[in-house]
Amino acid sequence: MARGERKVSNLIEEWNDSNKIDPERLEDQLTPERYRALFDTLVDWNDYLDNHAPDIKELLL
């Protein structure tokens, strides 16, 4: 299994389960904890892409 793959998968599943934000109250519901979870998910996703997606330079050559 790829490094971080399971963690990202779990976070996406968890986010989908808890993503019941009322658009009218969006600012109230975006807590620091939720921002941190989203940021951490992006960090994990970027790590995954860095390790498993081909480098763009290789695609252009």
PDB file of N, CA and C in Angstrom:
ATOM      1  N   MET A   1       0.843  -1.174   0.000  1.00  0.00           N
ATOM      2  CA  MET A   1       0.000   0.000   0.000  1.00  0.00           C
ATOM      3  C   MET A   1       0.890   1.239   0.000  1.00  0.00           C
ATOM      4  N   ALA A   2       0.510   2.225  -0.747  1.00  0.00           N
ATOM      5  CA  ALA A   2       1.294   3.452  -0.860  1.00  0.00           C
ATOM      6  C   ALA A   2       1.261   4.238   0.442  1.00  0.00           C
ATOM      7  N   ARG A   3       2.393   4.875   0.718  1.00  0.00           N
ATOM      8  CA  ARG A   3       2.499   5.678   1.934  1.00  0.00           C
ATOM      9  C   ARG A   3       1.411   6.754   1.941  1.00  0.00           C
ATOM     10  N   GLY A   4       0.646   6.813   3.019  1.00  0.00           N
ATOM     11  CA  GLY A   4      -0.368   7.831   3.170  1.00  0.00           C
ATOM     12  C   GLY A   4      -1.681   7.535   2.459  1.00  0.00           C
ATOM     13  N   GLU A   5      -1.702   6.520   1.617  1.00  0.00           N
ATOM     14  CA  GLU A   5      -2.889   6.255   0.812  1.00  0.00           C
ATOM     15  C   GLU A   5      -4.098   5.961   1.691  1.00  0.00           C
ATOM     16  N   ARG A   6      -3.917   5.112   2.667  1.00  0.00           N
ATOM     17  CA  ARG A   6      -5.033   4.733   3.523  1.00  0.00           C
ATOM     18  C   ARG A   6      -5.510   5.919   4.354  1.00  0.00           C
ATOM     19  N   LYS A   7      -4.572   6.709   4.815  1.00  0.00           N
ATOM     20  CA  LYS A   7      -4.941   7.858   5.631  1.00  0.00           C
ATOM     21  C   LYS A   7      -5.796   8.834   4.825  1.00  0.00           C
ATOM     22  N   VAL A   8      -5.390   9.136   3.600  1.00  0.00           N
ATOM     23  CA  VAL A   8      -6.164  10.044   2.756  1.00  0.00           C
ATOM     24  C   VAL A   8      -7.538   9.453   2.493  1.00  0.00           C
ATOM     25  N   SER A   9      -7.587   8.167   2.194  1.00  0.00           N
ATOM     26  CA  SER A   9      -8.853   7.501   1.942  1.00  0.00           C
ATOM     27  C   SER A   9      -9.771   7.601   3.153  1.00  0.00           C
ATOM     28  N   ASN A  10      -9.226   7.373   4.333  1.00  0.00           N
ATOM     29  CA  ASN A  10     -10.028   7.467   5.548  1.00  0.00           C
ATOM     30  C   ASN A  10     -10.530   8.881   5.781  1.00  0.00           C
ATOM     31  N   LEU A  11      -9.679   9.866   5.532  1.00  0.00           N
ATOM     32  CA  LEU A  11     -10.088  11.250   5.736  1.00  0.00           C
ATOM     33  C   LEU A  11     -11.184  11.652   4.760  1.00  0.00           C
ATOM     34  N   ILE A  12     -11.085  11.200   3.516  1.00  0.00           N
ATOM     35  CA  ILE A  12     -12.120  11.519   2.535  1.00  0.00           C
ATOM     36  C   ILE A  12     -13.441  10.890   2.952  1.00  0.00           C
ATOM     37  N   GLU A  13     -13.396   9.638   3.377  1.00  0.00           N
ATOM     38  CA  GLU A  13     -14.613   8.961   3.820  1.00  0.00           C
ATOM     39  C   GLU A  13     -15.211   9.664   5.033  1.00  0.00           C
ATOM     40  N   GLU A  14     -14.361  10.019   5.989  1.00  0.00           N
ATOM     41  CA  GLU A  14     -14.824  10.719   7.186  1.00  0.00           C
ATOM     42  C   GLU A  14     -15.422  12.077   6.818  1.00  0.00           C
ATOM     43  N   TRP A  15     -14.762  12.792   5.906  1.00  0.00           N
ATOM     44  CA  TRP A  15     -15.262  14.098   5.478  1.00  0.00           C
ATOM     45  C   TRP A  15     -16.629  13.952   4.814  1.00  0.00           C
ATOM     46  N   ASN A  16     -16.795  12.957   3.957  1.00  0.00           N
ATOM     47  CA  ASN A  16     -18.077  12.758   3.288  1.00  0.00           C
ATOM     48  C   ASN A  16     -19.179  12.443   4.288  1.00  0.00           C
ATOM     49  N   ASP A  17     -18.850  11.657   5.316  1.00  0.00           N
ATOM     50  CA  ASP A  17     -19.835  11.307   6.333  1.00  0.00           C
ATOM     51  C   ASP A  17     -20.262  12.517   7.153  1.00  0.00           C
ATOM     52  N   SER A  18     -19.335  13.432   7.402  1.00  0.00           N
ATOM     53  CA  SER A  18     -19.640  14.563   8.279  1.00  0.00           C
ATOM     54  C   SER A  18     -19.888  15.857   7.510  1.00  0.00           C
ATOM     55  N   ASN A  19     -19.926  15.791   6.198  1.00  0.00           N
ATOM     56  CA  ASN A  19     -20.066  16.994   5.384  1.00  0.00           C
ATOM     57  C   ASN A  19     -21.535  17.364   5.215  1.00  0.00           C
ATOM     58  N   LYS A  20     -22.115  17.785   6.310  1.00  0.00           N
ATOM     59  CA  LYS A  20     -23.507  18.199   6.284  1.00  0.00           C
ATOM     60  C   LYS A  20     -23.584  19.651   6.743  1.00  0.00           C
ATOM     61  N   ILE A  21     -22.868  20.512   6.036  1.00  0.00           N
ATOM     62  CA  ILE A  21     -22.785  21.916   6.400  1.00  0.00           C
ATOM     63  C   ILE A  21     -23.935  22.672   5.749  1.00  0.00           C
ATOM     64  N   ASP A  22     -24.634  23.432   6.553  1.00  0.00           N
ATOM     65  CA  ASP A  22     -25.698  24.292   6.068  1.00  0.00           C
ATOM     66  C   ASP A  22     -25.059  25.506   5.396  1.00  0.00           C
ATOM     67  N   PRO A  23     -25.263  25.710   4.101  1.00  0.00           N
ATOM     68  CA  PRO A  23     -24.613  26.826   3.402  1.00  0.00           C
ATOM     69  C   PRO A  23     -24.929  28.181   4.020  1.00  0.00           C
ATOM     70  N   GLU A  24     -26.083  28.304   4.653  1.00  0.00           N
ATOM     71  CA  GLU A  24     -26.469  29.576   5.263  1.00  0.00           C
ATOM     72  C   GLU A  24     -25.662  29.865   6.523  1.00  0.00           C
ATOM     73  N   ARG A  25     -25.100  28.828   7.134  1.00  0.00           N
ATOM     74  CA  ARG A  25     -24.336  28.991   8.375  1.00  0.00           C
ATOM     75  C   ARG A  25     -22.892  28.545   8.192  1.00  0.00           C
ATOM     76  N   LEU A  26     -22.382  28.667   6.995  1.00  0.00           N
ATOM     77  CA  LEU A  26     -21.061  28.153   6.663  1.00  0.00           C
ATOM     78  C   LEU A  26     -19.975  28.724   7.567  1.00  0.00           C
ATOM     79  N   GLU A  27     -19.972  30.036   7.770  1.00  0.00           N
ATOM     80  CA  GLU A  27     -18.922  30.649   8.584  1.00  0.00           C
ATOM     81  C   GLU A  27     -18.925  30.115  10.011  1.00  0.00           C
ATOM     82  N   ASP A  28     -20.111  29.872  10.566  1.00  0.00           N
ATOM     83  CA  ASP A  28     -20.203  29.347  11.931  1.00  0.00           C
ATOM     84  C   ASP A  28     -19.691  27.919  12.022  1.00  0.00           C
ATOM     85  N   GLN A  29     -19.830  27.162  10.953  1.00  0.00           N
ATOM     86  CA  GLN A  29     -19.506  25.744  10.997  1.00  0.00           C
ATOM     87  C   GLN A  29     -18.071  25.432  10.594  1.00  0.00           C
ATOM     88  N   LEU A  30     -17.378  26.388   9.992  1.00  0.00           N
ATOM     89  CA  LEU A  30     -15.974  26.160   9.637  1.00  0.00           C
ATOM     90  C   LEU A  30     -15.101  26.546  10.822  1.00  0.00           C
ATOM     91  N   THR A  31     -14.969  25.614  11.725  1.00  0.00           N
ATOM     92  CA  THR A  31     -14.205  25.822  12.955  1.00  0.00           C
ATOM     93  C   THR A  31     -12.714  25.653  12.684  1.00  0.00           C
ATOM     94  N   PRO A  32     -11.876  26.113  13.608  1.00  0.00           N
ATOM     95  CA  PRO A  32     -10.432  25.887  13.452  1.00  0.00           C
ATOM     96  C   PRO A  32     -10.091  24.404  13.293  1.00  0.00           C
ATOM     97  N   GLU A  33     -10.822  23.540  13.987  1.00  0.00           N
ATOM     98  CA  GLU A  33     -10.565  22.102  13.883  1.00  0.00           C
ATOM     99  C   GLU A  33     -10.880  21.595  12.476  1.00  0.00           C
ATOM    100  N   ARG A  34     -11.958  22.091  11.910  1.00  0.00           N
ATOM    101  CA  ARG A  34     -12.331  21.666  10.556  1.00  0.00           C
ATOM    102  C   ARG A  34     -11.318  22.188   9.537  1.00  0.00           C
ATOM    103  N   TYR A  35     -10.884  23.446   9.712  1.00  0.00           N
ATOM    104  CA  TYR A  35      -9.842  23.985   8.832  1.00  0.00           C
ATOM    105  C   TYR A  35      -8.574  23.143   8.932  1.00  0.00           C
ATOM    106  N   ARG A  36      -8.193  22.749  10.147  1.00  0.00           N
ATOM    107  CA  ARG A  36      -6.985  21.940  10.356  1.00  0.00           C
ATOM    108  C   ARG A  36      -7.136  20.594   9.654  1.00  0.00           C
ATOM    109  N   ALA A  37      -8.302  19.967   9.791  1.00  0.00           N
ATOM    110  CA  ALA A  37      -8.530  18.672   9.143  1.00  0.00           C
ATOM    111  C   ALA A  37      -8.444  18.805   7.622  1.00  0.00           C
ATOM    112  N   LEU A  38      -9.018  19.868   7.073  1.00  0.00           N
ATOM    113  CA  LEU A  38      -8.936  20.088   5.628  1.00  0.00           C
ATOM    114  C   LEU A  38      -7.497  20.331   5.191  1.00  0.00           C
ATOM    115  N   PHE A  39      -6.769  21.138   5.949  1.00  0.00           N
ATOM    116  CA  PHE A  39      -5.377  21.420   5.624  1.00  0.00           C
ATOM    117  C   PHE A  39      -4.548  20.140   5.674  1.00  0.00           C
ATOM    118  N   ASP A  40      -4.740  19.350   6.729  1.00  0.00           N
ATOM    119  CA  ASP A  40      -3.988  18.098   6.856  1.00  0.00           C
ATOM    120  C   ASP A  40      -4.301  17.150   5.700  1.00  0.00           C
ATOM    121  N   THR A  41      -5.557  17.119   5.268  1.00  0.00           N
ATOM    122  CA  THR A  41      -5.934  16.285   4.137  1.00  0.00           C
ATOM    123  C   THR A  41      -5.211  16.740   2.871  1.00  0.00           C
ATOM    124  N   LEU A  42      -5.118  18.061   2.676  1.00  0.00           N
ATOM    125  CA  LEU A  42      -4.397  18.577   1.508  1.00  0.00           C
ATOM    126  C   LEU A  42      -2.916  18.240   1.574  1.00  0.00           C
ATOM    127  N   VAL A  43      -2.335  18.312   2.757  1.00  0.00           N
ATOM    128  CA  VAL A  43      -0.924  17.957   2.923  1.00  0.00           C
ATOM    129  C   VAL A  43      -0.717  16.491   2.556  1.00  0.00           C
ATOM    130  N   ASP A  44      -1.586  15.618   3.063  1.00  0.00           N
ATOM    131  CA  ASP A  44      -1.477  14.188   2.752  1.00  0.00           C
ATOM    132  C   ASP A  44      -1.650  13.938   1.254  1.00  0.00           C
ATOM    133  N   TRP A  45      -2.598  14.616   0.634  1.00  0.00           N
ATOM    134  CA  TRP A  45      -2.838  14.446  -0.797  1.00  0.00           C
ATOM    135  C   TRP A  45      -1.626  14.912  -1.598  1.00  0.00           C
ATOM    136  N   ASN A  46      -1.049  16.044  -1.224  1.00  0.00           N
ATOM    137  CA  ASN A  46       0.146  16.532  -1.916  1.00  0.00           C
ATOM    138  C   ASN A  46       1.304  15.557  -1.766  1.00  0.00           C
ATOM    139  N   ASP A  47       1.474  14.991  -0.570  1.00  0.00           N
ATOM    140  CA  ASP A  47       2.523  13.988  -0.365  1.00  0.00           C
ATOM    141  C   ASP A  47       2.292  12.782  -1.274  1.00  0.00           C
ATOM    142  N   TYR A  48       1.056  12.336  -1.351  1.00  0.00           N
ATOM    143  CA  TYR A  48       0.725  11.194  -2.200  1.00  0.00           C
ATOM    144  C   TYR A  48       1.067  11.497  -3.663  1.00  0.00           C
ATOM    145  N   LEU A  49       0.651  12.671  -4.135  1.00  0.00           N
ATOM    146  CA  LEU A  49       0.937  13.035  -5.523  1.00  0.00           C
ATOM    147  C   LEU A  49       2.433  13.152  -5.769  1.00  0.00           C
ATOM    148  N   ASP A  50       3.160  13.743  -4.828  1.00  0.00           N
ATOM    149  CA  ASP A  50       4.613  13.861  -4.977  1.00  0.00           C
ATOM    150  C   ASP A  50       5.271  12.497  -5.113  1.00  0.00           C
ATOM    151  N   ASN A  51       4.745  11.512  -4.400  1.00  0.00           N
ATOM    152  CA  ASN A  51       5.360  10.189  -4.388  1.00  0.00           C
ATOM    153  C   ASN A  51       4.864   9.262  -5.495  1.00  0.00           C
ATOM    154  N   HIS A  52       3.705   9.539  -6.072  1.00  0.00           N
ATOM    155  CA  HIS A  52       3.113   8.568  -6.988  1.00  0.00           C
ATOM    156  C   HIS A  52       2.730   9.108  -8.356  1.00  0.00           C
ATOM    157  N   ALA A  53       2.658  10.395  -8.513  1.00  0.00           N
ATOM    158  CA  ALA A  53       2.320  10.959  -9.821  1.00  0.00           C
ATOM    159  C   ALA A  53       3.617  11.281 -10.559  1.00  0.00           C
ATOM    160  N   PRO A  54       3.639  11.053 -11.855  1.00  0.00           N
ATOM    161  CA  PRO A  54       4.860  11.366 -12.600  1.00  0.00           C
ATOM    162  C   PRO A  54       5.150  12.862 -12.549  1.00  0.00           C
ATOM    163  N   ASP A  55       6.409  13.177 -12.552  1.00  0.00           N
ATOM    164  CA  ASP A  55       6.827  14.570 -12.548  1.00  0.00           C
ATOM    165  C   ASP A  55       6.404  15.226 -13.854  1.00  0.00           C
ATOM    166  N   ILE A  56       5.884  16.421 -13.780  1.00  0.00           N
ATOM    167  CA  ILE A  56       5.400  17.108 -14.979  1.00  0.00           C
ATOM    168  C   ILE A  56       6.511  17.284 -16.011  1.00  0.00           C
ATOM    169  N   LYS A  57       7.736  17.448 -15.552  1.00  0.00           N
ATOM    170  CA  LYS A  57       8.855  17.588 -16.489  1.00  0.00           C
ATOM    171  C   LYS A  57       9.009  16.332 -17.340  1.00  0.00           C
ATOM    172  N   GLU A  58       8.805  15.173 -16.736  1.00  0.00           N
ATOM    173  CA  GLU A  58       8.906  13.917 -17.480  1.00  0.00           C
ATOM    174  C   GLU A  58       7.824  13.831 -18.553  1.00  0.00           C
ATOM    175  N   LEU A  59       6.663  14.373 -18.263  1.00  0.00           N
ATOM    176  CA  LEU A  59       5.574  14.337 -19.235  1.00  0.00           C
ATOM    177  C   LEU A  59       5.843  15.260 -20.420  1.00  0.00           C
ATOM    178  N   LEU A  60       6.559  16.339 -20.176  1.00  0.00           N
ATOM    179  CA  LEU A  60       6.818  17.311 -21.233  1.00  0.00           C
ATOM    180  C   LEU A  60       7.988  16.924 -22.120  1.00  0.00           C
ATOM    181  N   LEU A  61       8.851  16.035 -21.650  1.00  0.00           N
ATOM    182  CA  LEU A  61      10.033  15.653 -22.440  1.00  0.00           C
ATOM    183  C   LEU A  61       9.733  14.584 -23.453  1.00  0.00           C
TER     184      LEU A  61
END
